[in-house]
Each structure stands twice: as structure tokens, then as C-alpha cells.
Amino acid sequence: MLNRYERLVMPVDEVADSMFPVDEHVLLGCFGRDLAAIRHQTQLRLALRRAGYPAALAAQLIRDSPLLVREAGRGYRLRRCDENDGNATDR
């Protein structure tokens, strides 16, 4: 079991070579092992800010992310694989 303060470190060159953008890695990391959890916008934004994204860009990435679904209030959860994207054009 991981201590909640422990960090999993991935070398930058591996992240850069991966097919997923860094912001998606950061957003996924916010959910940890509890992929069904709801995270507050502030938590997601703080994680992106700590990863070096400016505040306005962090807010836009959260709002436009295909990984996230907005819940009541300012909560977000991860989109399930079988869940249809409301913005998708290939229905």
C-alpha cells in the first residue's frame, strides 16, 4: 500500500515519448487508485498548476478534457470507456 505522500516518478523522456499528453497523465494521477471517485475542480486545477500549467490553461484543460465528466457542483469524475462523449461527432 502506498503512503498518500509517496510519489510515483516517471522519467520525463518516457512521458514525452508516450502517446498521451502530460496533462492527461496529471489528471489521471489525481484519481489515484480510486478511479470511480469524484474530484473537485480545485484539486484538478492544483495538480495541473503544480505540473507547470498556467491557471487559465489548467481551467481550460479540465473543462475540455475528454477524460472527465462534470458532476454536480464543481465535481468531476473519469469518463467510463463505454460512456458516450457528448461532443463526439461519430455517433
N, C-alpha and C. Protein backbone atom coordinates (compact mmCIF):
# COMPACT_ATOMS: atom_id res chain seq x y z
N MET A 1 0.85 -1.19 0.00
CA MET A 1 0.00 0.00 0.00
C MET A 1 0.89 1.24 0.00
N LEU A 2 0.53 2.18 -0.83
CA LEU A 2 1.33 3.40 -0.93
C LEU A 2 0.93 4.40 0.14
N ASN A 3 1.89 5.06 0.66
CA ASN A 3 1.65 6.18 1.54
C ASN A 3 1.07 7.30 0.67
N ARG A 4 0.10 8.04 1.15
CA ARG A 4 -0.53 9.05 0.30
C ARG A 4 0.42 10.18 -0.09
N TYR A 5 1.56 10.28 0.58
CA TYR A 5 2.53 11.31 0.24
C TYR A 5 3.62 10.80 -0.68
N GLU A 6 3.61 9.51 -0.97
CA GLU A 6 4.59 8.93 -1.87
C GLU A 6 4.26 9.31 -3.30
N ARG A 7 5.26 9.54 -4.09
CA ARG A 7 5.04 9.88 -5.50
C ARG A 7 5.60 8.79 -6.39
N LEU A 8 4.86 8.47 -7.42
CA LEU A 8 5.38 7.57 -8.44
C LEU A 8 6.05 8.45 -9.48
N VAL A 9 7.31 8.22 -9.73
CA VAL A 9 8.07 9.08 -10.62
C VAL A 9 8.31 8.36 -11.94
N MET A 10 8.04 9.07 -13.03
CA MET A 10 8.28 8.55 -14.36
C MET A 10 9.25 9.52 -15.04
N PRO A 11 10.31 9.02 -15.62
CA PRO A 11 11.27 9.91 -16.29
C PRO A 11 10.59 10.75 -17.38
N VAL A 12 10.99 11.99 -17.47
CA VAL A 12 10.37 12.93 -18.41
C VAL A 12 10.42 12.42 -19.85
N ASP A 13 11.53 11.79 -20.23
CA ASP A 13 11.63 11.31 -21.62
C ASP A 13 10.61 10.21 -21.91
N GLU A 14 10.26 9.40 -20.89
CA GLU A 14 9.22 8.38 -21.09
C GLU A 14 7.85 9.02 -21.25
N VAL A 15 7.58 10.05 -20.45
CA VAL A 15 6.30 10.75 -20.56
C VAL A 15 6.21 11.43 -21.91
N ALA A 16 7.28 12.06 -22.34
CA ALA A 16 7.29 12.78 -23.62
C ALA A 16 7.11 11.82 -24.80
N ASP A 17 7.63 10.59 -24.68
CA ASP A 17 7.52 9.61 -25.75
C ASP A 17 6.20 8.86 -25.75
N SER A 18 5.43 9.00 -24.68
CA SER A 18 4.17 8.26 -24.60
C SER A 18 3.14 8.90 -25.52
N MET A 19 2.09 8.14 -25.83
CA MET A 19 1.08 8.63 -26.76
C MET A 19 0.05 9.52 -26.08
N PHE A 20 0.11 9.66 -24.77
CA PHE A 20 -0.83 10.50 -24.05
C PHE A 20 -0.17 11.81 -23.65
N PRO A 21 -0.88 12.92 -23.79
CA PRO A 21 -0.33 14.21 -23.35
C PRO A 21 -0.10 14.21 -21.83
N VAL A 22 0.85 15.01 -21.39
CA VAL A 22 1.21 15.08 -19.98
C VAL A 22 0.01 15.51 -19.14
N ASP A 23 -0.82 16.44 -19.65
CA ASP A 23 -1.96 16.89 -18.86
C ASP A 23 -2.92 15.74 -18.55
N GLU A 24 -3.06 14.77 -19.46
CA GLU A 24 -3.92 13.62 -19.19
C GLU A 24 -3.31 12.73 -18.11
N HIS A 25 -1.99 12.60 -18.10
CA HIS A 25 -1.32 11.85 -17.03
C HIS A 25 -1.56 12.53 -15.69
N VAL A 26 -1.47 13.84 -15.66
CA VAL A 26 -1.67 14.58 -14.41
C VAL A 26 -3.10 14.40 -13.93
N LEU A 27 -4.08 14.53 -14.83
CA LEU A 27 -5.48 14.37 -14.44
C LEU A 27 -5.76 12.96 -13.93
N LEU A 28 -5.23 11.96 -14.62
CA LEU A 28 -5.41 10.58 -14.15
C LEU A 28 -4.78 10.37 -12.78
N GLY A 29 -3.63 10.98 -12.58
CA GLY A 29 -2.94 10.87 -11.29
C GLY A 29 -3.73 11.43 -10.13
N CYS A 30 -4.59 12.39 -10.40
CA CYS A 30 -5.43 12.98 -9.35
C CYS A 30 -6.39 11.96 -8.75
N PHE A 31 -6.75 10.96 -9.52
CA PHE A 31 -7.73 9.98 -9.07
C PHE A 31 -7.07 8.80 -8.37
N GLY A 32 -5.75 8.66 -8.52
CA GLY A 32 -5.05 7.58 -7.85
C GLY A 32 -5.63 6.23 -8.19
N ARG A 33 -5.82 5.41 -7.17
CA ARG A 33 -6.36 4.07 -7.39
C ARG A 33 -7.87 4.05 -7.39
N ASP A 34 -8.49 5.11 -6.94
CA ASP A 34 -9.96 5.18 -6.87
C ASP A 34 -10.49 5.86 -8.13
N LEU A 35 -10.59 5.10 -9.21
CA LEU A 35 -10.97 5.67 -10.49
C LEU A 35 -12.45 6.04 -10.56
N ALA A 36 -13.24 5.62 -9.59
CA ALA A 36 -14.66 5.97 -9.57
C ALA A 36 -14.93 7.20 -8.71
N ALA A 37 -13.89 7.77 -8.16
CA ALA A 37 -14.04 8.92 -7.25
C ALA A 37 -14.45 10.18 -8.00
N ILE A 38 -14.95 11.12 -7.25
CA ILE A 38 -15.25 12.45 -7.78
C ILE A 38 -14.23 13.40 -7.19
N ARG A 39 -13.60 14.18 -8.04
CA ARG A 39 -12.61 15.17 -7.60
C ARG A 39 -13.15 16.56 -7.86
N HIS A 40 -12.85 17.44 -6.94
CA HIS A 40 -13.28 18.83 -7.06
C HIS A 40 -12.40 19.54 -8.07
N GLN A 41 -12.96 20.51 -8.75
CA GLN A 41 -12.21 21.27 -9.75
C GLN A 41 -10.93 21.84 -9.17
N THR A 42 -10.98 22.26 -7.91
CA THR A 42 -9.81 22.84 -7.25
C THR A 42 -8.67 21.83 -7.16
N GLN A 43 -8.99 20.57 -6.86
CA GLN A 43 -7.96 19.53 -6.76
C GLN A 43 -7.29 19.30 -8.11
N LEU A 44 -8.11 19.23 -9.16
CA LEU A 44 -7.57 19.01 -10.50
C LEU A 44 -6.73 20.19 -10.96
N ARG A 45 -7.22 21.37 -10.69
CA ARG A 45 -6.52 22.58 -11.10
C ARG A 45 -5.18 22.71 -10.37
N LEU A 46 -5.17 22.39 -9.08
CA LEU A 46 -3.94 22.47 -8.30
C LEU A 46 -2.90 21.49 -8.85
N ALA A 47 -3.33 20.29 -9.20
CA ALA A 47 -2.40 19.31 -9.74
C ALA A 47 -1.79 19.80 -11.05
N LEU A 48 -2.61 20.37 -11.92
CA LEU A 48 -2.10 20.91 -13.19
C LEU A 48 -1.17 22.10 -12.95
N ARG A 49 -1.50 22.94 -11.98
CA ARG A 49 -0.64 24.08 -11.65
C ARG A 49 0.71 23.61 -11.14
N ARG A 50 0.71 22.56 -10.31
CA ARG A 50 1.97 22.01 -9.79
C ARG A 50 2.79 21.37 -10.89
N ALA A 51 2.11 20.94 -11.96
CA ALA A 51 2.82 20.35 -13.10
C ALA A 51 3.34 21.43 -14.05
N GLY A 52 3.06 22.70 -13.73
CA GLY A 52 3.62 23.80 -14.50
C GLY A 52 2.68 24.47 -15.48
N TYR A 53 1.40 24.11 -15.45
CA TYR A 53 0.44 24.74 -16.36
C TYR A 53 -0.05 26.06 -15.76
N PRO A 54 -0.17 27.11 -16.57
CA PRO A 54 -0.75 28.37 -16.09
C PRO A 54 -2.21 28.16 -15.67
N ALA A 55 -2.71 29.01 -14.79
CA ALA A 55 -4.05 28.86 -14.23
C ALA A 55 -5.14 28.80 -15.30
N ALA A 56 -5.09 29.72 -16.26
CA ALA A 56 -6.13 29.76 -17.30
C ALA A 56 -6.09 28.50 -18.17
N LEU A 57 -4.90 28.02 -18.49
CA LEU A 57 -4.78 26.81 -19.30
C LEU A 57 -5.26 25.59 -18.50
N ALA A 58 -4.94 25.54 -17.21
CA ALA A 58 -5.38 24.44 -16.35
C ALA A 58 -6.91 24.37 -16.33
N ALA A 59 -7.56 25.51 -16.19
CA ALA A 59 -9.03 25.54 -16.18
C ALA A 59 -9.59 25.07 -17.52
N GLN A 60 -8.97 25.49 -18.61
CA GLN A 60 -9.44 25.08 -19.94
C GLN A 60 -9.23 23.58 -20.17
N LEU A 61 -8.10 23.05 -19.72
CA LEU A 61 -7.83 21.62 -19.89
C LEU A 61 -8.85 20.78 -19.12
N ILE A 62 -9.21 21.21 -17.94
CA ILE A 62 -10.22 20.49 -17.15
C ILE A 62 -11.57 20.56 -17.85
N ARG A 63 -11.94 21.73 -18.29
CA ARG A 63 -13.24 21.93 -18.94
C ARG A 63 -13.36 21.14 -20.24
N ASP A 64 -12.28 21.07 -21.01
CA ASP A 64 -12.33 20.45 -22.34
C ASP A 64 -11.81 19.02 -22.39
N SER A 65 -11.39 18.47 -21.27
CA SER A 65 -10.78 17.14 -21.28
C SER A 65 -11.79 16.05 -21.66
N PRO A 66 -11.43 15.19 -22.61
CA PRO A 66 -12.31 14.08 -22.96
C PRO A 66 -12.31 12.99 -21.89
N LEU A 67 -11.39 13.08 -20.93
CA LEU A 67 -11.31 12.09 -19.85
C LEU A 67 -12.32 12.34 -18.74
N LEU A 68 -12.78 13.59 -18.62
CA LEU A 68 -13.58 13.98 -17.47
C LEU A 68 -15.04 14.22 -17.82
N VAL A 69 -15.89 13.95 -16.83
CA VAL A 69 -17.33 14.24 -16.93
C VAL A 69 -17.67 15.13 -15.75
N ARG A 70 -18.38 16.21 -16.02
CA ARG A 70 -18.74 17.14 -14.96
C ARG A 70 -19.89 16.58 -14.14
N GLU A 71 -19.77 16.67 -12.84
CA GLU A 71 -20.81 16.22 -11.91
C GLU A 71 -21.44 17.45 -11.25
N ALA A 72 -22.32 17.22 -10.32
CA ALA A 72 -22.99 18.32 -9.60
C ALA A 72 -21.95 19.20 -8.92
N GLY A 73 -22.25 20.46 -8.87
CA GLY A 73 -21.31 21.41 -8.27
C GLY A 73 -20.10 21.57 -9.15
N ARG A 74 -18.94 21.51 -8.56
CA ARG A 74 -17.69 21.62 -9.33
C ARG A 74 -16.92 20.31 -9.33
N GLY A 75 -17.65 19.22 -9.23
CA GLY A 75 -17.02 17.91 -9.20
C GLY A 75 -16.82 17.34 -10.59
N TYR A 76 -15.80 16.52 -10.73
CA TYR A 76 -15.51 15.83 -11.99
C TYR A 76 -15.19 14.38 -11.68
N ARG A 77 -15.56 13.49 -12.58
CA ARG A 77 -15.20 12.09 -12.48
C ARG A 77 -14.63 11.66 -13.82
N LEU A 78 -13.97 10.51 -13.83
CA LEU A 78 -13.42 9.99 -15.08
C LEU A 78 -14.54 9.41 -15.94
N ARG A 79 -14.45 9.64 -17.22
CA ARG A 79 -15.41 9.08 -18.17
C ARG A 79 -15.14 7.59 -18.32
N ARG A 80 -16.19 6.79 -18.22
CA ARG A 80 -16.05 5.34 -18.43
C ARG A 80 -15.79 5.06 -19.90
N CYS A 81 -15.13 3.96 -20.19
CA CYS A 81 -14.81 3.59 -21.57
C CYS A 81 -16.06 3.38 -22.41
N ASP A 82 -17.13 2.89 -21.79
CA ASP A 82 -18.36 2.61 -22.54
C ASP A 82 -19.31 3.80 -22.57
N GLU A 83 -18.88 4.92 -22.02
CA GLU A 83 -19.72 6.11 -21.95
C GLU A 83 -19.52 6.98 -23.19
N ASN A 84 -20.62 7.43 -23.76
CA ASN A 84 -20.56 8.24 -24.97
C ASN A 84 -20.17 9.67 -24.63
N ASP A 85 -19.26 10.22 -25.41
CA ASP A 85 -18.83 11.62 -25.26
C ASP A 85 -19.90 12.50 -25.88
N GLY A 86 -20.43 13.43 -25.12
CA GLY A 86 -21.46 14.33 -25.62
C GLY A 86 -21.01 15.19 -26.78
N ASN A 87 -19.70 15.37 -26.94
CA ASN A 87 -19.16 16.19 -28.02
C ASN A 87 -18.75 15.37 -29.24
N ALA A 88 -18.89 14.06 -29.14
CA ALA A 88 -18.43 13.20 -30.22
C ALA A 88 -19.29 13.40 -31.48
N THR A 89 -18.63 13.37 -32.63
CA THR A 89 -19.36 13.56 -33.89
C THR A 89 -19.64 12.22 -34.58
N ASP A 90 -19.03 11.15 -34.11
CA ASP A 90 -19.21 9.84 -34.73
C ASP A 90 -20.19 8.98 -33.95
N ARG A 91 -21.43 9.33 -33.96
CA ARG A 91 -22.45 8.60 -33.17
C ARG A 91 -23.09 7.52 -33.93
